[in-house]
Structure formats: structure tokens, C-alpha cells
Amino acid sequence: MGASAGNLPCAQTRGVEGRRLVAHPRKDQNMRHLRRRLPVVGTTIALIAGSTLLSSPAMAAPELGPQLSAYKGEPDFTGVTTNPETDNQGGVDNATMYGAYIPSSGVLSGSRVWCIDRGLTQPMGNGYDEGGRSSVEAPELAYILAKWDEPRDDQADQMAHDMAIGEHVHSSDEIDHRDILDDRSLQEVTDGIGWNEDSQNLKDIGADAFYDDVLPDAYDLSALMGDEAAKYAGDGTYKAEVTIDEESSAAVVSLVNSEGVSVPGFDGELTVDGAKPETTEITSGESSVEVPLEFTDEVPDVSVSVTFSGLPTGSVTQWNPKDFDADDYDRASLQAVIEGQETTAQASDSYQGLFTPEVSSQVSVTEITDLPAKVTDKVRLDHCAPGETIEDAKVEVYAEDGTITQSETVPEDAELLETFTPDVTCDEDGAVDFETDELALDADFVKPGEEKSVTFVASAPASGSNEAFSHEYGVPSETVEIAIPEAEKPDDNPVVKTGAYVGSATGGPNWNLVGGIGLLTVAGGLIFGAVRRHKKGN
């Protein structure tokens, strides 16, 4: 893909679409001896990022043209180069490079950039300026760079990853190339050719490890990167999603592409208020990721946000060199290079747990024996949302003949007498008391000798942070029993009292009669008869 820090030009290769690359067979000892005997042209490869170059490009290759002396800078390199003597495509000056360049000067200083023009010279730091910068839409290539392009500590792992990335940079048809070499896959370039064993990177890792581990891993990683990019890149846009599942007490997090497919492997961070998350660092998966939450309050008031960073933008940044428009560019012309772009995706959700109002009430009188009468119901709500108004609260009054039996629902034959609609706002302590208007019961509401009952039922639908609530029907403290006694009737067999006496009063006799005048007449006759008999006897 690029060139070494010496006079070796970059060369790109192109993979065969849809073909899975297989591990390169290990070379036998004879082949290794042969490679060591092959002449090596060019300077040694630089170490990985931050290492010291063993030669200056400007000093090592004056025969390649004036550009190299004009564009001074010493790029660092993370990969390996094929032996230019045995990779003869394009002439003895050709070599194929796999790895990222890290220029030490100019606008690209310290950046990891990738060559895109097969056969042209490696990037020199001062060969680029802001005038050559552009953004190129390349969703799959952008995905590969965002997912896989990063500095690595393990050199073997680094080389395999960077060689695999290099193949996709070489082969991408999402960007334009100024190639002067033919298109070949990574395996075609590395299979059966000699390698520049003067490469410092190759010396550091050792030939055995390189052939046995690095190359097979590079083939497998290249195939994996291609498969993932085709599956997950979409149109290059990504969206973070997070919801709070109150039933499972968890934050459900996902990262999806433009087609709604979950995209795995990108790091995200949670910010949580009102709960303690099991972790704040997550990695997106092929399905949603659940992070358990421990709500800190009895009635949760929770907010969760997630930020995924290091995401691809769907485009790559291309840097064209100062000689990009030269009509007769040759291998002394610098390659155009690309680097990844990164963005973030954020999402948030909140959950306000609902208060469950607890209702109790007491009617002003529980028994009535005389009508007309008036009754009120005093209601208390506990555990309601502090400061919130409970919309559409009501107290309904029902009547039934006889005694009411308590039940969860109102019976179908219950008569609705009245509906009160009080204004109810919870206090800051989560409680409120209110009283209904008077219920007037007329004199004929219950006939004498009959019994009837009325009961009050307080309820409200869900509103704001309050759940719906309803008191049961026929709660004793909300029920009034009404029984009006019958009026007294005359006695059909009255008790008769008899007797008489005569008294005197001023102005004549005063008769006090008991039992009526007839009784007095009979008594008088009895008295006179007794006197007459007494006289005769004498």
C-alpha cells in the first residue's frame, strides 16, 4: 500500500470480491535460505510509530526526481515490504508495502495515513497542504478504518491488522486511484515471493512468527473486515438508542446503522442520574445490550444517556499531494493518502416512576333515621406525587336498597345519585385532604319502615406522575345506612279507668267525673237504695 522509509515506492493491491482469503503455507527452510541470499534494494523499513528511521528518504533516493528532495520529512511505518528484486511487476524499483504511515512533519505530522495510488512514492510530510484535503464518501472503507485502524502494542498483532487494512485500502472502489501497478490481492502479492528480510519490523518479530502467524492472521482479518463492512456499514450513518425498561430495571442500549441493523464492536459510555448502573462502559453488540440499574428512590426518577465515540462518518479524508495534477507523474510523484474520520452518536431516555395514591375516607354520618338530611365525604390521599394536580378526580355516590356489600367494582344494579369533581393538588409531602359538597337526601328518599344505603367511591385516572386509583365500592367508612321508622297508630283496645268524686267549689258543685256521666248516675242509684233499706229495717 505504501513505501518504506527508504527509496521504495508504495504499491497497492486489490482483493478479489467475494473470495475468502486462506492462510499462506509456511515456507520451508530452503526457501528461507533462498530469500536471505536474494539481493535487497532499498533502505530498511522504519520501526512502528515513534521509532527512529535508519535512513532519510531525501538522502537515499535522489535518482527518483526532484520531489523527494523538495518534500522533506521522515514517515514512520507500521508494516512490511516485499523484496523489490523478486516482485518485478513494474520494474526493479517496485515494492509492495502493507501498513500505515505516520509522517513526522507537515500537516499530516503524527497522523496514520494510508497510500491509495499503487506504485507511486510514499508520502513525505511536507508534500501536502490544506489545499489538497477533501472528504470522500466511502461507507465501507470508513467503517474498516474506524473499527480496525488504531495504534497497537503487540507488533505481531499490529502487522497482521495493518496488512489486512492495507488490502482494503488498495482494493476499495469507493475512492479513486492513480495507479501505475496492476491490481492484486494480498495473498497474490505475498504467496511465493521473497520478502525484504532487511526490514527492521520483520527482524523484530522474527521470520518464523511472521510466516506462521502474521500472514495467516492477515488473510483471515482481511476477510473478516470485508464481511463486517458489507453487513454493517449501510450508507455510513449510525444511530445510538437507549431505553429504560422499568420492569427489568435496566437500560437497554444499541447502536444501529441506516438499515436498523445492530452494529457490534464500538465503545460507548453511559451517564445515569437517579440510579446506580452496573457499569458505565459498554461495547455495542449484535443485539441490544442491557445494563442493570439500581433505582435509588422508592419512586424512580431516572435519566440515562449513552455516547458512542470513534464511529465512522461514512467518509474518509483524502490528502492529495502538491504534485497531484502533474501530467507526467511517475514514481517520484507522491501518493494520495487517506485517513479515517470519527464522529459520535448520542441518545437519552428518562423514566419517571409513578406514585400510587392510597385513598381513605370518612362520611360525616354513618346512620340516618330521620329525613331530610345532608351528608359529606372527607377524602385523604397519601403517597401522591408532591405538588402535582390530580386531573379528573371524582367522588361518585351510589344507592342500593337494604345493606351494601363491599366489592371491588360497582354492581350493575347500583343507582348513581351524584358525581362530585373536586380540585385536588397533592401537598409537598405527598398527601392531600379534600371534602365533597353536601349530598342532600330529601324527606321521601326512604319511605318509613324501609331501609336504604348510600356509599361514596373516590377515584381518578392516571395523570402526571400519579397512577390511577379507585376506592372499593361499599367501604364501611364511606357508607351511610338509612332506616326511617313508621309513625305510631291508635290502639284498638284501650284500657278503661272508672271512678267519680264530688268536690265543692265556689259558686256551686264541682263534678270531677271519671268514666262518664252514666257511671255517676248508676252510683247514685245504688246509694239511695241502700239508705232506703236501712230505714225499713229500723
Protein backbone atom coordinates (compact mmCIF):
# COMPACT_ATOMS: atom_id res chain seq x y z
CA MET A 1 0.00 0.00 0.00
CA GLY A 2 2.79 2.39 0.71
CA ALA A 3 6.55 2.53 0.76
CA SER A 4 9.17 2.14 3.36
CA ALA A 5 11.09 4.98 4.86
CA GLY A 6 13.70 4.50 2.19
CA ASN A 7 13.50 4.80 -1.55
CA LEU A 8 10.85 2.11 -2.04
CA PRO A 9 7.63 3.32 -3.68
CA CYS A 10 4.16 2.41 -2.38
CA ALA A 11 2.18 -0.18 -4.28
CA GLN A 12 -1.44 -1.12 -3.69
CA THR A 13 -3.23 -4.37 -4.28
CA ARG A 14 -6.87 -5.24 -4.80
CA GLY A 15 -8.69 -8.26 -3.35
CA VAL A 16 -10.98 -10.47 -5.41
CA GLU A 17 -14.52 -9.54 -4.45
CA GLY A 18 -16.34 -12.25 -2.53
CA ARG A 19 -13.31 -14.51 -2.24
CA ARG A 20 -12.28 -15.54 1.29
CA LEU A 21 -8.56 -15.45 1.72
CA VAL A 22 -6.85 -18.54 3.12
CA ALA A 23 -3.72 -18.92 5.19
CA HIS A 24 -0.41 -18.73 3.39
CA PRO A 25 1.51 -22.05 3.66
CA ARG A 26 4.68 -21.92 5.61
CA LYS A 27 7.84 -21.67 3.55
CA ASP A 28 10.38 -24.45 4.01
CA GLN A 29 13.91 -23.88 5.17
CA ASN A 30 15.30 -23.95 1.64
CA MET A 31 13.02 -21.11 0.60
CA ARG A 32 14.06 -19.09 3.64
CA HIS A 33 17.69 -19.58 2.80
CA LEU A 34 16.92 -18.54 -0.74
CA ARG A 35 15.23 -15.37 0.49
CA ARG A 36 18.22 -14.50 2.60
CA ARG A 37 20.52 -14.86 -0.42
CA LEU A 38 18.39 -12.60 -2.64
CA PRO A 39 19.83 -9.12 -3.18
CA VAL A 40 17.95 -6.34 -1.40
CA VAL A 41 17.39 -2.97 -2.96
CA GLY A 42 16.33 -0.04 -0.85
CA THR A 43 16.77 1.08 2.71
CA THR A 44 15.49 -0.68 5.78
CA ILE A 45 11.94 -0.22 6.98
CA ALA A 46 11.33 2.07 9.92
CA LEU A 47 10.09 0.76 13.22
CA ILE A 48 6.49 1.20 14.31
CA ALA A 49 5.17 4.64 15.23
CA GLY A 50 7.66 6.57 17.29
CA SER A 51 10.73 4.59 16.23
CA THR A 52 13.82 6.12 14.60
CA LEU A 53 14.30 5.76 10.86
CA LEU A 54 17.54 4.29 9.72
CA SER A 55 17.81 6.47 6.63
CA SER A 56 16.39 9.66 5.24
CA PRO A 57 14.22 9.35 2.12
CA ALA A 58 15.58 12.59 0.76
CA MET A 59 19.12 11.33 1.09
CA ALA A 60 18.50 7.75 0.00
CA ALA A 61 16.77 8.28 -3.34
CA PRO A 62 18.00 11.36 -5.22
CA GLU A 63 17.71 9.45 -8.51
CA LEU A 64 13.93 9.36 -8.26
CA GLY A 65 13.42 13.00 -9.06
CA PRO A 66 13.27 16.45 -7.53
CA GLN A 67 10.10 15.89 -5.50
CA LEU A 68 11.77 13.80 -2.82
CA SER A 69 14.34 16.48 -2.13
CA ALA A 70 11.63 19.12 -2.06
CA TYR A 71 9.26 17.22 0.26
CA LYS A 72 11.35 16.70 3.32
CA GLY A 73 10.01 14.58 6.13
CA GLU A 74 10.57 11.14 7.51
CA PRO A 75 7.42 8.98 7.74
CA ASP A 76 7.26 6.15 10.23
CA PHE A 77 5.78 2.86 9.07
CA THR A 78 3.88 0.03 10.77
CA GLY A 79 4.15 -2.82 8.27
CA VAL A 80 6.49 -4.73 5.96
CA THR A 81 7.69 -4.50 2.34
CA THR A 82 8.13 -7.19 -0.29
CA ASN A 83 11.56 -7.68 -1.77
CA PRO A 84 11.76 -5.37 -4.81
CA GLU A 85 14.11 -7.78 -6.63
CA THR A 86 11.58 -10.62 -6.59
CA ASP A 87 8.41 -8.61 -7.05
CA ASN A 88 9.20 -7.47 -10.58
CA GLN A 89 5.87 -6.05 -11.56
CA GLY A 90 6.62 -2.54 -12.74
CA GLY A 91 10.40 -2.91 -12.63
CA VAL A 92 13.13 -3.40 -10.09
CA ASP A 93 12.17 -0.27 -8.19
CA ASN A 94 8.79 -1.73 -7.27
CA ALA A 95 7.86 -2.96 -3.84
CA THR A 96 4.53 -3.58 -2.16
CA MET A 97 4.02 -2.08 1.29
CA TYR A 98 1.40 -3.01 3.88
CA GLY A 99 0.99 -0.69 6.84
CA ALA A 100 0.16 2.82 7.96
CA TYR A 101 2.47 5.82 7.54
CA ILE A 102 2.98 8.31 10.33
CA PRO A 103 4.70 11.39 8.87
CA SER A 104 6.78 13.46 11.25
CA SER A 105 6.36 16.81 9.52
CA GLY A 106 3.78 18.91 7.71
CA VAL A 107 0.00 18.92 8.07
CA LEU A 108 -0.03 15.11 8.44
CA SER A 109 2.53 15.03 11.23
CA GLY A 110 1.67 12.23 13.66
CA SER A 111 -1.32 11.01 11.63
CA ARG A 112 -1.82 7.42 10.48
CA VAL A 113 -2.40 7.68 6.73
CA TRP A 114 -2.74 5.07 4.01
CA CYS A 115 -1.44 5.18 0.41
CA ILE A 116 -4.04 4.77 -2.32
CA ASP A 117 -2.02 5.06 -5.58
CA ARG A 118 -0.33 1.79 -6.46
CA GLY A 119 3.32 2.26 -7.40
CA LEU A 120 3.79 5.94 -6.56
CA THR A 121 6.17 7.19 -3.90
CA GLN A 122 5.44 7.09 -0.19
CA PRO A 123 4.02 10.22 1.47
CA MET A 124 6.58 12.80 2.56
CA GLY A 125 5.37 15.12 5.28
CA ASN A 126 5.91 18.43 3.51
CA GLY A 127 4.36 17.18 0.30
CA TYR A 128 0.81 18.01 1.45
CA ASP A 129 -1.09 21.08 2.50
CA GLU A 130 -4.69 22.01 3.32
CA GLY A 131 -5.37 22.73 -0.33
CA GLY A 132 -5.23 19.02 -1.10
CA ARG A 133 -7.64 17.98 1.59
CA SER A 134 -11.14 16.67 0.74
CA SER A 135 -13.83 14.41 2.16
CA VAL A 136 -14.75 11.36 0.08
CA GLU A 137 -17.87 9.29 0.71
CA ALA A 138 -16.79 5.69 1.28
CA PRO A 139 -19.03 3.93 3.84
CA GLU A 140 -17.35 0.51 3.86
CA LEU A 141 -13.80 1.79 3.86
CA ALA A 142 -14.72 4.33 6.53
CA TYR A 143 -16.18 1.52 8.64
CA ILE A 144 -12.99 -0.57 8.35
CA LEU A 145 -10.75 2.35 9.34
CA ALA A 146 -12.97 3.36 12.28
CA LYS A 147 -13.31 -0.21 13.55
CA TRP A 148 -9.79 -1.52 12.98
CA ASP A 149 -7.31 1.32 12.46
CA GLU A 150 -5.64 2.08 15.76
CA PRO A 151 -2.16 2.02 17.27
CA ARG A 152 -1.23 -1.41 18.60
CA ASP A 153 1.25 -2.51 21.23
CA ASP A 154 1.76 -6.10 20.12
CA GLN A 155 3.85 -5.94 16.97
CA ALA A 156 2.66 -9.25 15.54
CA ASP A 157 -0.95 -8.27 16.02
CA GLN A 158 -0.22 -4.82 14.64
CA MET A 159 1.33 -6.10 11.44
CA ALA A 160 -1.47 -8.56 10.72
CA HIS A 161 -4.19 -5.93 11.28
CA ASP A 162 -2.43 -3.26 9.27
CA MET A 163 -1.69 -5.59 6.36
CA ALA A 164 -5.40 -6.54 6.27
CA ILE A 165 -6.47 -2.88 6.38
CA GLY A 166 -3.94 -2.15 3.64
CA GLU A 167 -5.54 -4.66 1.33
CA HIS A 168 -8.94 -2.98 1.66
CA VAL A 169 -7.44 0.46 1.13
CA HIS A 170 -5.73 -0.86 -2.00
CA SER A 171 -8.82 -2.59 -3.34
CA SER A 172 -11.55 -0.08 -2.46
CA ASP A 173 -13.62 1.05 -5.42
CA GLU A 174 -15.19 3.76 -3.23
CA ILE A 175 -12.16 6.02 -3.83
CA ASP A 176 -10.28 6.99 -6.99
CA HIS A 177 -6.71 5.77 -7.52
CA ARG A 178 -3.82 6.98 -9.74
CA ASP A 179 -2.34 3.51 -10.09
CA ILE A 180 0.67 2.60 -12.20
CA LEU A 181 0.72 -1.02 -11.00
CA ASP A 182 -1.73 -3.83 -11.60
CA ASP A 183 -4.36 -4.80 -9.06
CA ARG A 184 -3.56 -7.90 -7.00
CA SER A 185 -4.86 -9.37 -3.76
CA LEU A 186 -2.91 -9.59 -0.55
CA GLN A 187 -2.41 -13.30 -0.98
CA GLU A 188 -1.31 -12.93 -4.59
CA VAL A 189 1.36 -10.47 -3.51
CA THR A 190 2.56 -12.50 -0.54
CA ASP A 191 2.29 -16.01 -1.98
CA GLY A 192 5.60 -17.35 -3.27
CA ILE A 193 7.54 -14.11 -3.37
CA GLY A 194 10.59 -13.07 -1.46
CA TRP A 195 10.44 -10.59 1.40
CA ASN A 196 12.88 -7.90 2.27
CA GLU A 197 14.29 -9.53 5.37
CA ASP A 198 16.35 -6.43 5.98
CA SER A 199 13.07 -4.92 7.23
CA GLN A 200 13.54 -3.93 10.83
CA ASN A 201 9.93 -4.81 11.61
CA LEU A 202 10.39 -8.27 10.16
CA LYS A 203 13.61 -8.73 12.13
CA ASP A 204 11.90 -7.66 15.34
CA ILE A 205 9.13 -10.21 15.05
CA GLY A 206 11.20 -12.98 13.52
CA ALA A 207 10.68 -14.80 10.25
CA ASP A 208 9.07 -17.85 11.84
CA ALA A 209 6.43 -15.81 13.63
CA PHE A 210 5.82 -13.73 10.54
CA TYR A 211 5.18 -16.67 8.21
CA ASP A 212 3.43 -18.85 10.77
CA ASP A 213 1.29 -16.21 12.48
CA VAL A 214 1.22 -12.79 10.88
CA LEU A 215 0.43 -13.77 7.31
CA PRO A 216 -2.35 -16.29 8.13
CA ASP A 217 -3.88 -13.79 10.57
CA ALA A 218 -3.71 -11.04 7.96
CA TYR A 219 -5.63 -13.18 5.44
CA ASP A 220 -8.32 -14.07 7.98
CA LEU A 221 -8.62 -10.50 9.26
CA SER A 222 -8.95 -9.12 5.75
CA ALA A 223 -11.85 -11.48 5.08
CA LEU A 224 -13.46 -10.58 8.40
CA MET A 225 -13.15 -6.86 7.77
CA GLY A 226 -14.74 -7.18 4.35
CA ASP A 227 -17.64 -9.26 5.65
CA GLU A 228 -18.31 -6.85 8.52
CA ALA A 229 -18.15 -3.76 6.33
CA ALA A 230 -20.65 -5.24 3.87
CA LYS A 231 -23.01 -6.17 6.71
CA TYR A 232 -22.79 -3.15 8.98
CA ALA A 233 -21.68 -0.07 7.02
CA GLY A 234 -25.05 0.68 5.42
CA ASP A 235 -25.00 4.19 4.00
CA GLY A 236 -22.46 5.29 6.60
CA THR A 237 -24.84 6.72 9.18
CA TYR A 238 -25.27 5.28 12.67
CA LYS A 239 -27.71 5.93 15.48
CA ALA A 240 -27.45 5.30 19.19
CA GLU A 241 -30.55 4.07 21.02
CA VAL A 242 -31.30 3.73 24.73
CA THR A 243 -34.50 2.97 26.64
CA ILE A 244 -35.17 2.41 30.32
CA ASP A 245 -37.06 -0.82 30.98
CA GLU A 246 -38.81 -0.23 34.30
CA GLU A 247 -39.93 -3.84 34.59
CA SER A 248 -36.42 -5.27 34.40
CA SER A 249 -34.80 -2.15 35.93
CA ALA A 250 -32.28 -1.92 33.12
CA ALA A 251 -31.01 0.45 30.45
CA VAL A 252 -31.31 -1.18 27.02
CA VAL A 253 -28.65 0.18 24.66
CA SER A 254 -27.94 -0.42 20.99
CA LEU A 255 -26.06 1.06 18.04
CA VAL A 256 -27.79 0.64 14.68
CA ASN A 257 -26.94 1.51 11.10
CA SER A 258 -29.12 3.16 8.47
CA GLU A 259 -30.94 -0.13 7.87
CA GLY A 260 -31.70 -0.70 11.56
CA VAL A 261 -29.10 -3.46 11.91
CA SER A 262 -27.29 -3.56 15.27
CA VAL A 263 -23.62 -2.74 14.80
CA PRO A 264 -21.23 -4.50 17.21
CA GLY A 265 -17.79 -3.62 18.45
CA PHE A 266 -17.92 0.12 19.22
CA ASP A 267 -17.37 1.52 22.69
CA GLY A 268 -19.98 3.59 24.48
CA GLU A 269 -20.30 5.33 27.81
CA LEU A 270 -23.40 5.73 29.97
CA THR A 271 -24.33 8.73 32.08
CA VAL A 272 -27.01 7.90 34.65
CA ASP A 273 -28.94 10.05 37.14
CA GLY A 274 -31.33 8.63 39.71
CA ALA A 275 -29.93 5.09 39.59
CA LYS A 276 -26.71 3.15 40.02
CA PRO A 277 -25.72 1.33 36.80
CA GLU A 278 -23.88 -1.97 36.93
CA THR A 279 -21.34 -0.41 34.56
CA THR A 280 -20.94 2.81 32.62
CA GLU A 281 -18.66 1.40 29.92
CA ILE A 282 -20.25 -0.79 27.27
CA THR A 283 -19.48 -2.22 23.86
CA SER A 284 -22.22 -2.41 21.25
CA GLY A 285 -23.33 -5.92 20.30
CA GLU A 286 -25.18 -7.78 17.58
CA SER A 287 -28.28 -7.26 19.70
CA SER A 288 -29.23 -4.75 22.39
CA VAL A 289 -27.06 -4.58 25.49
CA GLU A 290 -28.82 -4.48 28.88
CA VAL A 291 -27.21 -2.64 31.78
CA PRO A 292 -28.92 -3.37 35.13
CA LEU A 293 -29.94 -0.29 37.13
CA GLU A 294 -30.46 0.01 40.85
CA PHE A 295 -33.04 2.73 41.42
CA THR A 296 -32.01 5.00 44.27
CA ASP A 297 -35.54 6.17 45.21
CA GLU A 298 -38.71 4.29 46.04
CA VAL A 299 -40.39 6.12 43.18
CA PRO A 300 -37.69 6.29 40.48
CA ASP A 301 -36.86 9.48 38.62
CA VAL A 302 -34.13 8.27 36.27
CA SER A 303 -32.37 9.62 33.20
CA VAL A 304 -29.86 7.69 31.09
CA SER A 305 -27.76 8.89 28.16
CA VAL A 306 -25.29 6.95 26.04
CA THR A 307 -22.48 8.26 23.85
CA PHE A 308 -20.73 6.09 21.29
CA SER A 309 -17.44 7.57 20.17
CA GLY A 310 -14.98 6.64 17.45
CA LEU A 311 -17.75 5.94 14.94
CA PRO A 312 -17.19 6.25 11.19
CA THR A 313 -18.73 9.24 9.46
CA GLY A 314 -19.32 7.32 6.24
CA SER A 315 -16.50 9.27 4.56
CA VAL A 316 -12.70 9.30 4.59
CA THR A 317 -10.38 12.27 4.37
CA GLN A 318 -8.22 12.26 1.25
CA TRP A 319 -4.99 14.24 1.04
CA ASN A 320 -3.74 14.88 -2.47
CA PRO A 321 -0.04 15.77 -2.72
CA LYS A 322 1.18 19.03 -4.16
CA ASP A 323 2.14 17.32 -7.43
CA PHE A 324 -1.22 15.57 -7.75
CA ASP A 325 -2.08 17.27 -11.04
CA ALA A 326 1.25 16.61 -12.75
CA ASP A 327 0.62 15.41 -16.31
CA ASP A 328 3.54 13.00 -16.39
CA TYR A 329 3.68 11.80 -12.82
CA ASP A 330 5.97 8.84 -12.23
CA ARG A 331 7.23 7.00 -9.22
CA ALA A 332 8.73 10.16 -7.88
CA SER A 333 5.21 11.56 -7.61
CA LEU A 334 3.82 11.22 -4.12
CA GLN A 335 0.80 9.08 -3.50
CA ALA A 336 -2.51 10.49 -2.38
CA VAL A 337 -3.32 9.20 1.09
CA ILE A 338 -6.44 8.77 3.17
CA GLU A 339 -7.24 8.72 6.85
CA GLY A 340 -10.36 7.86 8.76
CA GLN A 341 -12.92 10.27 10.16
CA GLU A 342 -14.59 9.84 13.51
CA THR A 343 -17.86 11.02 14.98
CA THR A 344 -20.11 10.32 17.95
CA ALA A 345 -23.72 9.24 18.35
CA GLN A 346 -25.80 10.04 21.40
CA ALA A 347 -29.20 9.09 22.75
CA SER A 348 -31.04 9.53 26.03
CA ASP A 349 -34.15 8.37 27.82
CA SER A 350 -35.85 9.17 31.10
CA TYR A 351 -38.20 7.31 33.36
CA GLN A 352 -40.41 8.90 35.99
CA GLY A 353 -41.74 6.19 38.25
CA LEU A 354 -45.39 6.59 39.15
CA PHE A 355 -46.72 7.36 42.60
CA THR A 356 -49.54 5.11 43.76
CA PRO A 357 -52.06 7.22 45.69
CA GLU A 358 -53.57 5.47 48.70
CA VAL A 359 -57.15 6.59 49.36
CA SER A 360 -59.11 6.62 52.62
CA SER A 361 -62.29 8.48 53.50
CA GLN A 362 -64.94 9.03 56.14
CA VAL A 363 -68.54 10.09 55.67
CA SER A 364 -69.91 12.75 58.01
CA VAL A 365 -72.61 10.41 59.35
CA THR A 366 -72.90 6.63 59.11
CA GLU A 367 -76.59 6.22 60.15
CA ILE A 368 -79.68 8.27 59.38
CA THR A 369 -83.10 7.72 60.98
CA ASP A 370 -84.79 10.96 60.05
CA LEU A 371 -85.06 12.75 56.70
CA PRO A 372 -84.35 15.16 55.12
CA ALA A 373 -80.60 15.03 55.81
CA LYS A 374 -77.25 16.10 54.36
CA VAL A 375 -74.04 14.05 54.07
CA THR A 376 -70.46 14.85 53.04
CA ASP A 377 -67.42 12.64 52.45
CA LYS A 378 -63.95 13.66 53.59
CA VAL A 379 -61.23 12.01 51.49
CA ARG A 380 -57.49 11.68 52.15
CA LEU A 381 -54.84 10.69 49.61
CA ASP A 382 -51.41 9.54 50.72
CA HIS A 383 -48.34 8.76 48.59
CA CYS A 384 -49.27 11.00 45.68
CA ALA A 385 -46.80 12.98 43.58
CA PRO A 386 -45.74 16.06 45.58
CA GLY A 387 -47.03 19.30 44.13
CA GLU A 388 -48.90 17.66 41.24
CA THR A 389 -52.56 18.19 40.42
CA ILE A 390 -54.58 15.02 40.05
CA GLU A 391 -56.62 15.56 36.95
CA ASP A 392 -60.25 14.40 36.68
CA ALA A 393 -60.57 13.28 40.30
CA LYS A 394 -64.15 12.42 41.21
CA VAL A 395 -66.28 11.06 44.04
CA GLU A 396 -69.36 9.12 42.93
CA VAL A 397 -72.31 8.38 45.22
CA TYR A 398 -74.37 5.22 44.71
CA ALA A 399 -77.55 3.94 46.38
CA GLU A 400 -78.95 0.46 46.97
CA ASP A 401 -81.98 -0.88 48.83
CA GLY A 402 -81.06 -2.54 52.08
CA THR A 403 -77.46 -3.01 53.14
CA ILE A 404 -74.49 -2.58 50.77
CA THR A 405 -71.88 -5.32 50.48
CA GLN A 406 -68.29 -4.21 49.86
CA SER A 407 -66.86 -5.18 46.45
CA GLU A 408 -64.03 -4.22 44.10
CA THR A 409 -66.38 -2.96 41.40
CA VAL A 410 -69.74 -1.22 41.36
CA PRO A 411 -72.67 -3.62 40.94
CA GLU A 412 -74.75 -3.18 37.81
CA ASP A 413 -77.95 -2.54 39.77
CA ALA A 414 -76.41 0.24 41.91
CA GLU A 415 -78.06 3.64 41.36
CA LEU A 416 -75.72 6.57 40.68
CA LEU A 417 -77.02 9.52 42.69
CA GLU A 418 -74.32 12.16 42.32
CA THR A 419 -70.80 12.79 40.97
CA PHE A 420 -68.57 15.33 42.68
CA THR A 421 -65.49 16.68 40.85
CA PRO A 422 -63.24 18.36 43.41
CA ASP A 423 -59.96 20.13 42.60
CA VAL A 424 -57.15 18.01 44.07
CA THR A 425 -53.47 19.00 44.29
CA CYS A 426 -51.02 16.97 46.35
CA ASP A 427 -49.08 18.78 49.05
CA GLU A 428 -45.29 18.82 49.01
CA ASP A 429 -45.30 15.95 51.50
CA GLY A 430 -47.23 13.74 49.06
CA ALA A 431 -50.65 13.90 50.77
CA VAL A 432 -53.89 15.84 50.40
CA ASP A 433 -57.25 16.10 52.18
CA PHE A 434 -60.43 17.27 50.47
CA GLU A 435 -64.18 17.13 51.15
CA THR A 436 -67.14 16.76 48.83
CA ASP A 437 -70.05 19.14 48.64
CA GLU A 438 -73.15 18.19 50.63
CA LEU A 439 -75.30 15.35 49.37
CA ALA A 440 -78.92 16.31 50.05
CA LEU A 441 -81.31 13.46 50.89
CA ASP A 442 -84.96 14.54 50.63
CA ALA A 443 -87.72 13.52 53.05
CA ASP A 444 -89.10 10.98 50.61
CA PHE A 445 -85.70 9.40 49.80
CA VAL A 446 -86.59 6.45 52.05
CA LYS A 447 -90.19 5.58 53.00
CA PRO A 448 -90.98 4.93 56.66
CA GLY A 449 -90.34 1.35 57.57
CA GLU A 450 -87.87 0.77 54.69
CA GLU A 451 -84.04 0.67 54.60
CA LYS A 452 -81.60 2.04 52.05
CA SER A 453 -77.84 2.68 51.87
CA VAL A 454 -75.60 5.14 50.03
CA THR A 455 -71.86 4.82 49.52
CA PHE A 456 -69.13 7.17 48.25
CA VAL A 457 -66.40 5.98 45.83
CA ALA A 458 -63.32 8.19 45.20
CA SER A 459 -61.29 7.61 42.02
CA ALA A 460 -59.08 9.25 39.37
CA PRO A 461 -57.39 8.15 36.13
CA ALA A 462 -53.60 8.21 35.79
CA SER A 463 -52.22 11.72 35.46
CA GLY A 464 -48.72 13.08 35.51
CA SER A 465 -46.65 11.06 37.95
CA ASN A 466 -49.68 9.52 39.64
CA GLU A 467 -51.11 6.14 38.83
CA ALA A 468 -54.85 5.69 38.56
CA PHE A 469 -56.61 4.92 41.80
CA SER A 470 -60.10 3.89 42.92
CA HIS A 471 -61.51 3.07 46.32
CA GLU A 472 -63.57 -0.09 46.57
CA TYR A 473 -67.34 0.07 46.44
CA GLY A 474 -69.16 -0.10 49.74
CA VAL A 475 -66.23 0.57 52.09
CA PRO A 476 -67.84 0.85 55.57
CA SER A 477 -66.27 4.23 56.34
CA GLU A 478 -67.78 5.60 53.13
CA THR A 479 -71.25 4.07 53.55
CA VAL A 480 -74.38 5.55 55.17
CA GLU A 481 -77.26 3.31 56.32
CA ILE A 482 -80.70 4.94 56.26
CA ALA A 483 -83.70 3.44 58.14
CA ILE A 484 -86.81 5.61 58.78
CA PRO A 485 -89.27 4.20 61.43
CA GLU A 486 -93.04 4.08 60.77
CA ALA A 487 -95.46 6.59 62.56
CA GLU A 488 -97.38 5.30 65.72
CA LYS A 489 -101.01 4.03 65.13
CA PRO A 490 -104.15 4.34 67.59
CA ASP A 491 -104.70 1.31 69.97
CA ASP A 492 -107.75 -0.82 69.02
CA ASN A 493 -108.34 -1.98 72.72
CA PRO A 494 -107.69 0.96 75.08
CA VAL A 495 -107.61 0.45 78.92
CA VAL A 496 -110.76 1.96 80.66
CA LYS A 497 -110.45 3.65 84.12
CA THR A 498 -113.56 4.21 86.32
CA GLY A 499 -114.43 6.22 89.44
CA ALA A 500 -116.03 9.51 90.48
CA TYR A 501 -115.91 12.06 93.23
CA VAL A 502 -117.71 15.26 94.04
CA GLY A 503 -115.94 18.26 95.20
CA SER A 504 -117.06 21.73 96.04
CA ALA A 505 -116.01 24.93 94.62
CA THR A 506 -117.01 28.49 94.97
CA GLY A 507 -120.24 29.18 93.09
CA GLY A 508 -121.62 25.60 93.19
CA PRO A 509 -120.71 21.99 93.00
CA ASN A 510 -117.70 20.87 91.00
CA TRP A 511 -118.04 17.47 89.39
CA ASN A 512 -114.99 15.57 88.55
CA LEU A 513 -116.05 12.68 86.51
CA VAL A 514 -114.10 9.57 85.72
CA GLY A 515 -115.79 7.09 83.49
CA GLY A 516 -118.55 9.35 82.23
CA ILE A 517 -121.93 10.64 83.47
CA GLY A 518 -123.68 7.29 83.14
CA LEU A 519 -121.39 5.77 85.72
CA LEU A 520 -122.18 8.59 88.13
CA THR A 521 -125.99 8.02 87.72
CA VAL A 522 -125.65 4.32 88.45
CA ALA A 523 -123.58 5.03 91.54
CA GLY A 524 -126.16 7.49 92.85
CA GLY A 525 -128.99 4.96 92.50
CA LEU A 526 -127.04 2.41 94.46
CA ILE A 527 -126.51 4.86 97.30
CA PHE A 528 -130.19 5.83 97.62
CA GLY A 529 -131.32 2.21 97.58
CA ALA A 530 -129.03 1.37 100.45
CA VAL A 531 -130.37 4.20 102.60
CA ARG A 532 -133.99 3.17 101.99
CA ARG A 533 -133.32 -0.40 103.07
CA HIS A 534 -131.63 0.76 106.22
CA LYS A 535 -134.63 2.81 107.29
CA LYS A 536 -137.11 -0.03 106.85
CA GLY A 537 -135.08 -2.31 108.92
CA ASN A 538 -135.11 0.03 111.85
